[in-house]
Amino acid sequence: MAKGLQLFVSRLSFYTTNYQLKNLFSPFGAVTEARLVKDPRTQRPKGFGFVTFESEADAQNALNSLNGRIVDGRLIFVEVAETTEATENKTSRK
C-alpha cells in the first residue's frame, strides 16, 4: 500500500473522468493514483472514487480545501478512506 494517504470522494458527476479527478486534486500535491469506481456491467462511473497522495500533509490540505465544494455542478464530499483492515475490525466488534 502507498505510504501517503488515500481520500474517498463522493457525489461526483457521473461524467467525471479519472483524468479530471486527478487534475482536480493535483494542485494540492503529488497524486499517485486517482480512480473512479465503475459499474462492472455498464462501465459507467458510480459517482465516487479514490485519490491517493504521496504526502499525508498534501492529502489533508486537499481534503480541507475540496470537501463541501461544488464541482461540475455537484456538491462533493471528501474524507479519509477507510482501509480494509479498519472495515474488518468494525465488523468483528459487532
PDB file of N, CA and C in Angstrom:
ATOM      1  N   MET A   1       0.839  -1.181   0.000  1.00  0.00           N
ATOM      2  CA  MET A   1       0.000   0.000   0.000  1.00  0.00           C
ATOM      3  C   MET A   1       0.882   1.243   0.000  1.00  0.00           C
ATOM      4  N   ALA A   2       0.408   2.310  -0.609  1.00  0.00           N
ATOM      5  CA  ALA A   2       1.167   3.552  -0.684  1.00  0.00           C
ATOM      6  C   ALA A   2       1.354   4.140   0.707  1.00  0.00           C
ATOM      7  N   LYS A   3       2.486   4.825   0.894  1.00  0.00           N
ATOM      8  CA  LYS A   3       2.779   5.423   2.186  1.00  0.00           C
ATOM      9  C   LYS A   3       1.922   6.650   2.443  1.00  0.00           C
ATOM     10  N   GLY A   4       1.443   7.300   1.402  1.00  0.00           N
ATOM     11  CA  GLY A   4       0.613   8.501   1.532  1.00  0.00           C
ATOM     12  C   GLY A   4      -0.770   8.159   2.051  1.00  0.00           C
ATOM     13  N   LEU A   5      -1.652   9.105   1.869  1.00  0.00           N
ATOM     14  CA  LEU A   5      -3.000   8.966   2.391  1.00  0.00           C
ATOM     15  C   LEU A   5      -3.995   8.860   1.240  1.00  0.00           C
ATOM     16  N   GLN A   6      -4.974   7.982   1.397  1.00  0.00           N
ATOM     17  CA  GLN A   6      -5.997   7.813   0.366  1.00  0.00           C
ATOM     18  C   GLN A   6      -7.279   8.515   0.811  1.00  0.00           C
ATOM     19  N   LEU A   7      -7.851   9.280  -0.118  1.00  0.00           N
ATOM     20  CA  LEU A   7      -9.088  10.001   0.153  1.00  0.00           C
ATOM     21  C   LEU A   7     -10.242   9.368  -0.607  1.00  0.00           C
ATOM     22  N   PHE A   8     -11.412   9.402  -0.005  1.00  0.00           N
ATOM     23  CA  PHE A   8     -12.648   8.931  -0.631  1.00  0.00           C
ATOM     24  C   PHE A   8     -13.409  10.173  -1.074  1.00  0.00           C
ATOM     25  N   VAL A   9     -13.799  10.225  -2.337  1.00  0.00           N
ATOM     26  CA  VAL A   9     -14.511  11.373  -2.891  1.00  0.00           C
ATOM     27  C   VAL A   9     -15.879  10.893  -3.348  1.00  0.00           C
ATOM     28  N   SER A  10     -16.945  11.494  -2.818  1.00  0.00           N
ATOM     29  CA  SER A  10     -18.297  11.053  -3.167  1.00  0.00           C
ATOM     30  C   SER A  10     -19.104  12.185  -3.783  1.00  0.00           C
ATOM     31  N   ARG A  11     -20.220  11.793  -4.410  1.00  0.00           N
ATOM     32  CA  ARG A  11     -21.175  12.689  -5.056  1.00  0.00           C
ATOM     33  C   ARG A  11     -20.590  13.378  -6.284  1.00  0.00           C
ATOM     34  N   LEU A  12     -19.665  12.718  -6.951  1.00  0.00           N
ATOM     35  CA  LEU A  12     -19.094  13.256  -8.185  1.00  0.00           C
ATOM     36  C   LEU A  12     -20.106  13.142  -9.317  1.00  0.00           C
ATOM     37  N   SER A  13     -19.941  13.982 -10.318  1.00  0.00           N
ATOM     38  CA  SER A  13     -20.762  13.883 -11.521  1.00  0.00           C
ATOM     39  C   SER A  13     -20.491  12.540 -12.190  1.00  0.00           C
ATOM     40  N   PHE A  14     -21.501  11.965 -12.789  1.00  0.00           N
ATOM     41  CA  PHE A  14     -21.335  10.686 -13.478  1.00  0.00           C
ATOM     42  C   PHE A  14     -20.523  10.848 -14.761  1.00  0.00           C
ATOM     43  N   TYR A  15     -20.247  12.083 -15.148  1.00  0.00           N
ATOM     44  CA  TYR A  15     -19.466  12.351 -16.354  1.00  0.00           C
ATOM     45  C   TYR A  15     -18.008  12.666 -16.034  1.00  0.00           C
ATOM     46  N   THR A  16     -17.638  12.657 -14.760  1.00  0.00           N
ATOM     47  CA  THR A  16     -16.254  12.902 -14.365  1.00  0.00           C
ATOM     48  C   THR A  16     -15.382  11.737 -14.822  1.00  0.00           C
ATOM     49  N   THR A  17     -14.179  12.063 -15.312  1.00  0.00           N
ATOM     50  CA  THR A  17     -13.230  11.036 -15.752  1.00  0.00           C
ATOM     51  C   THR A  17     -12.097  10.919 -14.733  1.00  0.00           C
ATOM     52  N   ASN A  18     -11.314   9.838 -14.827  1.00  0.00           N
ATOM     53  CA  ASN A  18     -10.146   9.669 -13.963  1.00  0.00           C
ATOM     54  C   ASN A  18      -9.185  10.846 -14.136  1.00  0.00           C
ATOM     55  N   TYR A  19      -9.016  11.290 -15.375  1.00  0.00           N
ATOM     56  CA  TYR A  19      -8.130  12.411 -15.686  1.00  0.00           C
ATOM     57  C   TYR A  19      -8.605  13.690 -14.984  1.00  0.00           C
ATOM     58  N   GLN A  20      -9.892  13.966 -15.040  1.00  0.00           N
ATOM     59  CA  GLN A  20     -10.443  15.159 -14.387  1.00  0.00           C
ATOM     60  C   GLN A  20     -10.300  15.068 -12.872  1.00  0.00           C
ATOM     61  N   LEU A  21     -10.509  13.884 -12.324  1.00  0.00           N
ATOM     62  CA  LEU A  21     -10.375  13.687 -10.883  1.00  0.00           C
ATOM     63  C   LEU A  21      -8.939  13.968 -10.446  1.00  0.00           C
ATOM     64  N   LYS A  22      -7.973  13.446 -11.198  1.00  0.00           N
ATOM     65  CA  LYS A  22      -6.569  13.681 -10.873  1.00  0.00           C
ATOM     66  C   LYS A  22      -6.235  15.167 -10.982  1.00  0.00           C
ATOM     67  N   ASN A  23      -6.718  15.830 -12.032  1.00  0.00           N
ATOM     68  CA  ASN A  23      -6.455  17.258 -12.211  1.00  0.00           C
ATOM     69  C   ASN A  23      -7.083  18.104 -11.117  1.00  0.00           C
ATOM     70  N   LEU A  24      -8.218  17.680 -10.595  1.00  0.00           N
ATOM     71  CA  LEU A  24      -8.883  18.404  -9.519  1.00  0.00           C
ATOM     72  C   LEU A  24      -8.026  18.420  -8.253  1.00  0.00           C
ATOM     73  N   PHE A  25      -7.353  17.302  -7.973  1.00  0.00           N
ATOM     74  CA  PHE A  25      -6.574  17.170  -6.746  1.00  0.00           C
ATOM     75  C   PHE A  25      -5.090  17.502  -6.911  1.00  0.00           C
ATOM     76  N   SER A  26      -4.588  17.539  -8.129  1.00  0.00           N
ATOM     77  CA  SER A  26      -3.165  17.780  -8.387  1.00  0.00           C
ATOM     78  C   SER A  26      -2.620  19.090  -7.837  1.00  0.00           C
ATOM     79  N   PRO A  27      -3.374  20.193  -7.819  1.00  0.00           N
ATOM     80  CA  PRO A  27      -2.814  21.435  -7.269  1.00  0.00           C
ATOM     81  C   PRO A  27      -2.392  21.335  -5.799  1.00  0.00           C
ATOM     82  N   PHE A  28      -2.849  20.315  -5.096  1.00  0.00           N
ATOM     83  CA  PHE A  28      -2.547  20.190  -3.675  1.00  0.00           C
ATOM     84  C   PHE A  28      -1.316  19.331  -3.394  1.00  0.00           C
ATOM     85  N   GLY A  29      -0.775  18.676  -4.421  1.00  0.00           N
ATOM     86  CA  GLY A  29       0.416  17.848  -4.240  1.00  0.00           C
ATOM     87  C   GLY A  29       0.451  16.712  -5.234  1.00  0.00           C
ATOM     88  N   ALA A  30       1.458  15.857  -5.074  1.00  0.00           N
ATOM     89  CA  ALA A  30       1.667  14.738  -5.996  1.00  0.00           C
ATOM     90  C   ALA A  30       0.616  13.651  -5.771  1.00  0.00           C
ATOM     91  N   VAL A  31      -0.198  13.421  -6.795  1.00  0.00           N
ATOM     92  CA  VAL A  31      -1.237  12.385  -6.746  1.00  0.00           C
ATOM     93  C   VAL A  31      -0.654  11.116  -7.366  1.00  0.00           C
ATOM     94  N   THR A  32      -0.610  10.028  -6.595  1.00  0.00           N
ATOM     95  CA  THR A  32      -0.074   8.774  -7.117  1.00  0.00           C
ATOM     96  C   THR A  32      -1.140   7.956  -7.847  1.00  0.00           C
ATOM     97  N   GLU A  33      -2.403   8.159  -7.463  1.00  0.00           N
ATOM     98  CA  GLU A  33      -3.491   7.430  -8.124  1.00  0.00           C
ATOM     99  C   GLU A  33      -4.798   8.195  -7.955  1.00  0.00           C
ATOM    100  N   ALA A  34      -5.582   8.217  -9.008  1.00  0.00           N
ATOM    101  CA  ALA A  34      -6.938   8.772  -8.964  1.00  0.00           C
ATOM    102  C   ALA A  34      -7.802   7.819  -9.772  1.00  0.00           C
ATOM    103  N   ARG A  35      -8.769   7.196  -9.100  1.00  0.00           N
ATOM    104  CA  ARG A  35      -9.597   6.229  -9.833  1.00  0.00           C
ATOM    105  C   ARG A  35     -11.060   6.344  -9.418  1.00  0.00           C
ATOM    106  N   LEU A  36     -11.898   6.247 -10.416  1.00  0.00           N
ATOM    107  CA  LEU A  36     -13.338   6.245 -10.204  1.00  0.00           C
ATOM    108  C   LEU A  36     -13.806   4.801 -10.111  1.00  0.00           C
ATOM    109  N   VAL A  37     -14.794   4.563  -9.295  1.00  0.00           N
ATOM    110  CA  VAL A  37     -15.393   3.236  -9.210  1.00  0.00           C
ATOM    111  C   VAL A  37     -16.468   3.169 -10.290  1.00  0.00           C
ATOM    112  N   LYS A  38     -16.395   2.105 -11.110  1.00  0.00           N
ATOM    113  CA  LYS A  38     -17.325   1.969 -12.230  1.00  0.00           C
ATOM    114  C   LYS A  38     -18.223   0.750 -12.058  1.00  0.00           C
ATOM    115  N   ASP A  39     -19.395   0.850 -12.639  1.00  0.00           N
ATOM    116  CA  ASP A  39     -20.325  -0.275 -12.661  1.00  0.00           C
ATOM    117  C   ASP A  39     -19.705  -1.353 -13.541  1.00  0.00           C
ATOM    118  N   PRO A  40     -19.580  -2.586 -13.053  1.00  0.00           N
ATOM    119  CA  PRO A  40     -18.929  -3.632 -13.842  1.00  0.00           C
ATOM    120  C   PRO A  40     -19.676  -3.984 -15.140  1.00  0.00           C
ATOM    121  N   ARG A  41     -20.978  -3.811 -15.133  1.00  0.00           N
ATOM    122  CA  ARG A  41     -21.760  -4.172 -16.314  1.00  0.00           C
ATOM    123  C   ARG A  41     -21.725  -3.080 -17.380  1.00  0.00           C
ATOM    124  N   THR A  42     -21.953  -1.836 -16.962  1.00  0.00           N
ATOM    125  CA  THR A  42     -22.055  -0.742 -17.939  1.00  0.00           C
ATOM    126  C   THR A  42     -20.750   0.028 -18.134  1.00  0.00           C
ATOM    127  N   GLN A  43     -19.797  -0.144 -17.194  1.00  0.00           N
ATOM    128  CA  GLN A  43     -18.525   0.594 -17.210  1.00  0.00           C
ATOM    129  C   GLN A  43     -18.708   2.106 -17.034  1.00  0.00           C
ATOM    130  N   ARG A  44     -19.863   2.530 -16.531  1.00  0.00           N
ATOM    131  CA  ARG A  44     -20.092   3.944 -16.249  1.00  0.00           C
ATOM    132  C   ARG A  44     -19.711   4.228 -14.797  1.00  0.00           C
ATOM    133  N   PRO A  45     -19.153   5.410 -14.531  1.00  0.00           N
ATOM    134  CA  PRO A  45     -18.781   5.750 -13.153  1.00  0.00           C
ATOM    135  C   PRO A  45     -20.002   5.762 -12.233  1.00  0.00           C
ATOM    136  N   LYS A  46     -19.777   5.353 -10.985  1.00  0.00           N
ATOM    137  CA  LYS A  46     -20.857   5.314  -9.998  1.00  0.00           C
ATOM    138  C   LYS A  46     -20.993   6.612  -9.219  1.00  0.00           C
ATOM    139  N   GLY A  47     -20.103   7.581  -9.468  1.00  0.00           N
ATOM    140  CA  GLY A  47     -20.208   8.871  -8.794  1.00  0.00           C
ATOM    141  C   GLY A  47     -19.321   9.008  -7.569  1.00  0.00           C
ATOM    142  N   PHE A  48     -18.410   8.056  -7.384  1.00  0.00           N
ATOM    143  CA  PHE A  48     -17.447   8.186  -6.298  1.00  0.00           C
ATOM    144  C   PHE A  48     -16.125   7.566  -6.711  1.00  0.00           C
ATOM    145  N   GLY A  49     -15.071   7.929  -5.991  1.00  0.00           N
ATOM    146  CA  GLY A  49     -13.753   7.419  -6.340  1.00  0.00           C
ATOM    147  C   GLY A  49     -12.760   7.632  -5.214  1.00  0.00           C
ATOM    148  N   PHE A  50     -11.499   7.326  -5.527  1.00  0.00           N
ATOM    149  CA  PHE A  50     -10.418   7.402  -4.549  1.00  0.00           C
ATOM    150  C   PHE A  50      -9.243   8.154  -5.142  1.00  0.00           C
ATOM    151  N   VAL A  51      -8.599   8.959  -4.315  1.00  0.00           N
ATOM    152  CA  VAL A  51      -7.412   9.697  -4.721  1.00  0.00           C
ATOM    153  C   VAL A  51      -6.332   9.428  -3.682  1.00  0.00           C
ATOM    154  N   THR A  52      -5.146   9.022  -4.140  1.00  0.00           N
ATOM    155  CA  THR A  52      -4.031   8.738  -3.240  1.00  0.00           C
ATOM    156  C   THR A  52      -2.931   9.762  -3.452  1.00  0.00           C
ATOM    157  N   PHE A  53      -2.468  10.342  -2.367  1.00  0.00           N
ATOM    158  CA  PHE A  53      -1.388  11.324  -2.392  1.00  0.00           C
ATOM    159  C   PHE A  53      -0.105  10.700  -1.869  1.00  0.00           C
ATOM    160  N   GLU A  54       1.043  11.215  -2.335  1.00  0.00           N
ATOM    161  CA  GLU A  54       2.333  10.775  -1.809  1.00  0.00           C
ATOM    162  C   GLU A  54       2.504  11.241  -0.367  1.00  0.00           C
ATOM    163  N   SER A  55       2.007  12.435  -0.070  1.00  0.00           N
ATOM    164  CA  SER A  55       2.192  13.050   1.243  1.00  0.00           C
ATOM    165  C   SER A  55       0.869  13.157   1.996  1.00  0.00           C
ATOM    166  N   GLU A  56       0.897  12.799   3.267  1.00  0.00           N
ATOM    167  CA  GLU A  56      -0.308  12.921   4.092  1.00  0.00           C
ATOM    168  C   GLU A  56      -0.699  14.381   4.277  1.00  0.00           C
ATOM    169  N   ALA A  57       0.294  15.265   4.362  1.00  0.00           N
ATOM    170  CA  ALA A  57       0.015  16.695   4.536  1.00  0.00           C
ATOM    171  C   ALA A  57      -0.717  17.249   3.313  1.00  0.00           C
ATOM    172  N   ASP A  58      -0.293  16.836   2.114  1.00  0.00           N
ATOM    173  CA  ASP A  58      -0.965  17.274   0.887  1.00  0.00           C
ATOM    174  C   ASP A  58      -2.400  16.758   0.844  1.00  0.00           C
ATOM    175  N   ALA A  59      -2.594  15.524   1.265  1.00  0.00           N
ATOM    176  CA  ALA A  59      -3.933  14.928   1.278  1.00  0.00           C
ATOM    177  C   ALA A  59      -4.845  15.681   2.243  1.00  0.00           C
ATOM    178  N   GLN A  60      -4.327  16.026   3.418  1.00  0.00           N
ATOM    179  CA  GLN A  60      -5.126  16.778   4.398  1.00  0.00           C
ATOM    180  C   GLN A  60      -5.489  18.148   3.851  1.00  0.00           C
ATOM    181  N   ASN A  61      -4.550  18.786   3.167  1.00  0.00           N
ATOM    182  CA  ASN A  61      -4.796  20.096   2.580  1.00  0.00           C
ATOM    183  C   ASN A  61      -5.898  20.003   1.517  1.00  0.00           C
ATOM    184  N   ALA A  62      -5.832  18.978   0.674  1.00  0.00           N
ATOM    185  CA  ALA A  62      -6.856  18.772  -0.358  1.00  0.00           C
ATOM    186  C   ALA A  62      -8.208  18.495   0.274  1.00  0.00           C
ATOM    187  N   LEU A  63      -8.229  17.666   1.295  1.00  0.00           N
ATOM    188  CA  LEU A  63      -9.480  17.343   1.991  1.00  0.00           C
ATOM    189  C   LEU A  63     -10.108  18.614   2.548  1.00  0.00           C
ATOM    190  N   ASN A  64      -9.315  19.423   3.235  1.00  0.00           N
ATOM    191  CA  ASN A  64      -9.840  20.652   3.846  1.00  0.00           C
ATOM    192  C   ASN A  64     -10.315  21.651   2.798  1.00  0.00           C
ATOM    193  N   SER A  65      -9.657  21.682   1.645  1.00  0.00           N
ATOM    194  CA  SER A  65      -9.997  22.659   0.612  1.00  0.00           C
ATOM    195  C   SER A  65     -11.171  22.238  -0.264  1.00  0.00           C
ATOM    196  N   LEU A  66     -11.297  20.943  -0.550  1.00  0.00           N
ATOM    197  CA  LEU A  66     -12.294  20.493  -1.518  1.00  0.00           C
ATOM    198  C   LEU A  66     -13.567  19.909  -0.902  1.00  0.00           C
ATOM    199  N   ASN A  67     -13.536  19.521   0.354  1.00  0.00           N
ATOM    200  CA  ASN A  67     -14.730  18.951   0.979  1.00  0.00           C
ATOM    201  C   ASN A  67     -15.833  20.010   1.032  1.00  0.00           C
ATOM    202  N   GLY A  68     -16.997  19.681   0.493  1.00  0.00           N
ATOM    203  CA  GLY A  68     -18.132  20.595   0.502  1.00  0.00           C
ATOM    204  C   GLY A  68     -18.118  21.612  -0.623  1.00  0.00           C
ATOM    205  N   ARG A  69     -17.246  21.430  -1.596  1.00  0.00           N
ATOM    206  CA  ARG A  69     -17.181  22.342  -2.743  1.00  0.00           C
ATOM    207  C   ARG A  69     -18.084  21.845  -3.864  1.00  0.00           C
ATOM    208  N   ILE A  70     -18.472  22.764  -4.738  1.00  0.00           N
ATOM    209  CA  ILE A  70     -19.261  22.394  -5.910  1.00  0.00           C
ATOM    210  C   ILE A  70     -18.308  22.182  -7.086  1.00  0.00           C
ATOM    211  N   VAL A  71     -18.371  21.001  -7.671  1.00  0.00           N
ATOM    212  CA  VAL A  71     -17.535  20.634  -8.809  1.00  0.00           C
ATOM    213  C   VAL A  71     -18.455  20.069  -9.891  1.00  0.00           C
ATOM    214  N   ASP A  72     -18.384  20.636 -11.069  1.00  0.00           N
ATOM    215  CA  ASP A  72     -19.252  20.218 -12.184  1.00  0.00           C
ATOM    216  C   ASP A  72     -20.729  20.249 -11.787  1.00  0.00           C
ATOM    217  N   GLY A  73     -21.098  21.261 -11.011  1.00  0.00           N
ATOM    218  CA  GLY A  73     -22.494  21.421 -10.614  1.00  0.00           C
ATOM    219  C   GLY A  73     -22.958  20.498  -9.503  1.00  0.00           C
ATOM    220  N   ARG A  74     -22.028  19.760  -8.888  1.00  0.00           N
ATOM    221  CA  ARG A  74     -22.382  18.820  -7.817  1.00  0.00           C
ATOM    222  C   ARG A  74     -21.603  19.157  -6.548  1.00  0.00           C
ATOM    223  N   LEU A  75     -22.275  19.077  -5.417  1.00  0.00           N
ATOM    224  CA  LEU A  75     -21.627  19.278  -4.124  1.00  0.00           C
ATOM    225  C   LEU A  75     -20.890  17.983  -3.782  1.00  0.00           C
ATOM    226  N   ILE A  76     -19.551  18.035  -3.719  1.00  0.00           N
ATOM    227  CA  ILE A  76     -18.781  16.819  -3.444  1.00  0.00           C
ATOM    228  C   ILE A  76     -18.362  16.766  -1.982  1.00  0.00           C
ATOM    229  N   PHE A  77     -18.125  15.560  -1.518  1.00  0.00           N
ATOM    230  CA  PHE A  77     -17.626  15.338  -0.172  1.00  0.00           C
ATOM    231  C   PHE A  77     -16.319  14.565  -0.265  1.00  0.00           C
ATOM    232  N   VAL A  78     -15.347  14.973   0.539  1.00  0.00           N
ATOM    233  CA  VAL A  78     -14.031  14.337   0.563  1.00  0.00           C
ATOM    234  C   VAL A  78     -13.746  13.934   1.998  1.00  0.00           C
ATOM    235  N   GLU A  79     -13.332  12.696   2.182  1.00  0.00           N
ATOM    236  CA  GLU A  79     -12.977  12.216   3.516  1.00  0.00           C
ATOM    237  C   GLU A  79     -11.854  11.202   3.409  1.00  0.00           C
ATOM    238  N   VAL A  80     -11.222  10.909   4.521  1.00  0.00           N
ATOM    239  CA  VAL A  80     -10.158   9.916   4.539  1.00  0.00           C
ATOM    240  C   VAL A  80     -10.791   8.552   4.287  1.00  0.00           C
ATOM    241  N   ALA A  81     -10.212   7.808   3.346  1.00  0.00           N
ATOM    242  CA  ALA A  81     -10.746   6.481   3.014  1.00  0.00           C
ATOM    243  C   ALA A  81     -10.408   5.499   4.132  1.00  0.00           C
ATOM    244  N   GLU A  82     -11.346   4.624   4.413  1.00  0.00           N
ATOM    245  CA  GLU A  82     -11.104   3.576   5.401  1.00  0.00           C
ATOM    246  C   GLU A  82     -10.347   2.445   4.730  1.00  0.00           C
ATOM    247  N   THR A  83      -9.398   1.870   5.448  1.00  0.00           N
ATOM    248  CA  THR A  83      -8.659   0.736   4.902  1.00  0.00           C
ATOM    249  C   THR A  83      -9.465  -0.536   5.106  1.00  0.00           C
ATOM    250  N   THR A  84      -9.086  -1.578   4.413  1.00  0.00           N
ATOM    251  CA  THR A  84      -9.763  -2.861   4.549  1.00  0.00           C
ATOM    252  C   THR A  84      -9.653  -3.376   5.976  1.00  0.00           C
ATOM    253  N   GLU A  85      -8.492  -3.180   6.605  1.00  0.00           N
ATOM    254  CA  GLU A  85      -8.291  -3.639   7.978  1.00  0.00           C
ATOM    255  C   GLU A  85      -9.243  -2.936   8.935  1.00  0.00           C
ATOM    256  N   ALA A  86      -9.450  -1.650   8.753  1.00  0.00           N
ATOM    257  CA  ALA A  86     -10.358  -0.904   9.629  1.00  0.00           C
ATOM    258  C   ALA A  86     -11.783  -1.402   9.458  1.00  0.00           C
ATOM    259  N   THR A  87     -12.173  -1.698   8.221  1.00  0.00           N
ATOM    260  CA  THR A  87     -13.506  -2.214   7.966  1.00  0.00           C
ATOM    261  C   THR A  87     -13.686  -3.578   8.619  1.00  0.00           C
ATOM    262  N   GLU A  88     -12.664  -4.441   8.542  1.00  0.00           N
ATOM    263  CA  GLU A  88     -12.754  -5.766   9.150  1.00  0.00           C
ATOM    264  C   GLU A  88     -12.863  -5.652  10.669  1.00  0.00           C
ATOM    265  N   ASN A  89     -12.143  -4.720  11.272  1.00  0.00           N
ATOM    266  CA  ASN A  89     -12.216  -4.537  12.730  1.00  0.00           C
ATOM    267  C   ASN A  89     -13.600  -4.066  13.162  1.00  0.00           C
ATOM    268  N   LYS A  90     -14.227  -3.227  12.394  1.00  0.00           N
ATOM    269  CA  LYS A  90     -15.577  -2.743  12.729  1.00  0.00           C
ATOM    270  C   LYS A  90     -16.580  -3.895  12.715  1.00  0.00           C
ATOM    271  N   THR A  91     -16.485  -4.755  11.695  1.00  0.00           N
ATOM    272  CA  THR A  91     -17.446  -5.840  11.601  1.00  0.00           C
ATOM    273  C   THR A  91     -17.188  -6.917  12.650  1.00  0.00           C
ATOM    274  N   SER A  92     -15.944  -7.080  13.071  1.00  0.00           N
ATOM    275  CA  SER A  92     -15.657  -8.120  14.064  1.00  0.00           C
ATOM    276  C   SER A  92     -16.098  -7.698  15.467  1.00  0.00           C
ATOM    277  N   ARG A  93     -16.264  -6.391  15.710  1.00  0.00           N
ATOM    278  CA  ARG A  93     -16.683  -5.913  17.023  1.00  0.00           C
ATOM    279  C   ARG A  93     -18.174  -6.066  17.247  1.00  0.00           C
ATOM    280  N   LYS A  94     -18.942  -6.226  16.193  1.00  0.00           N
ATOM    281  CA  LYS A  94     -20.403  -6.296  16.335  1.00  0.00           C
ATOM    282  C   LYS A  94     -20.846  -7.614  16.897  1.00  0.00           C
TER     283      LYS A  94
END
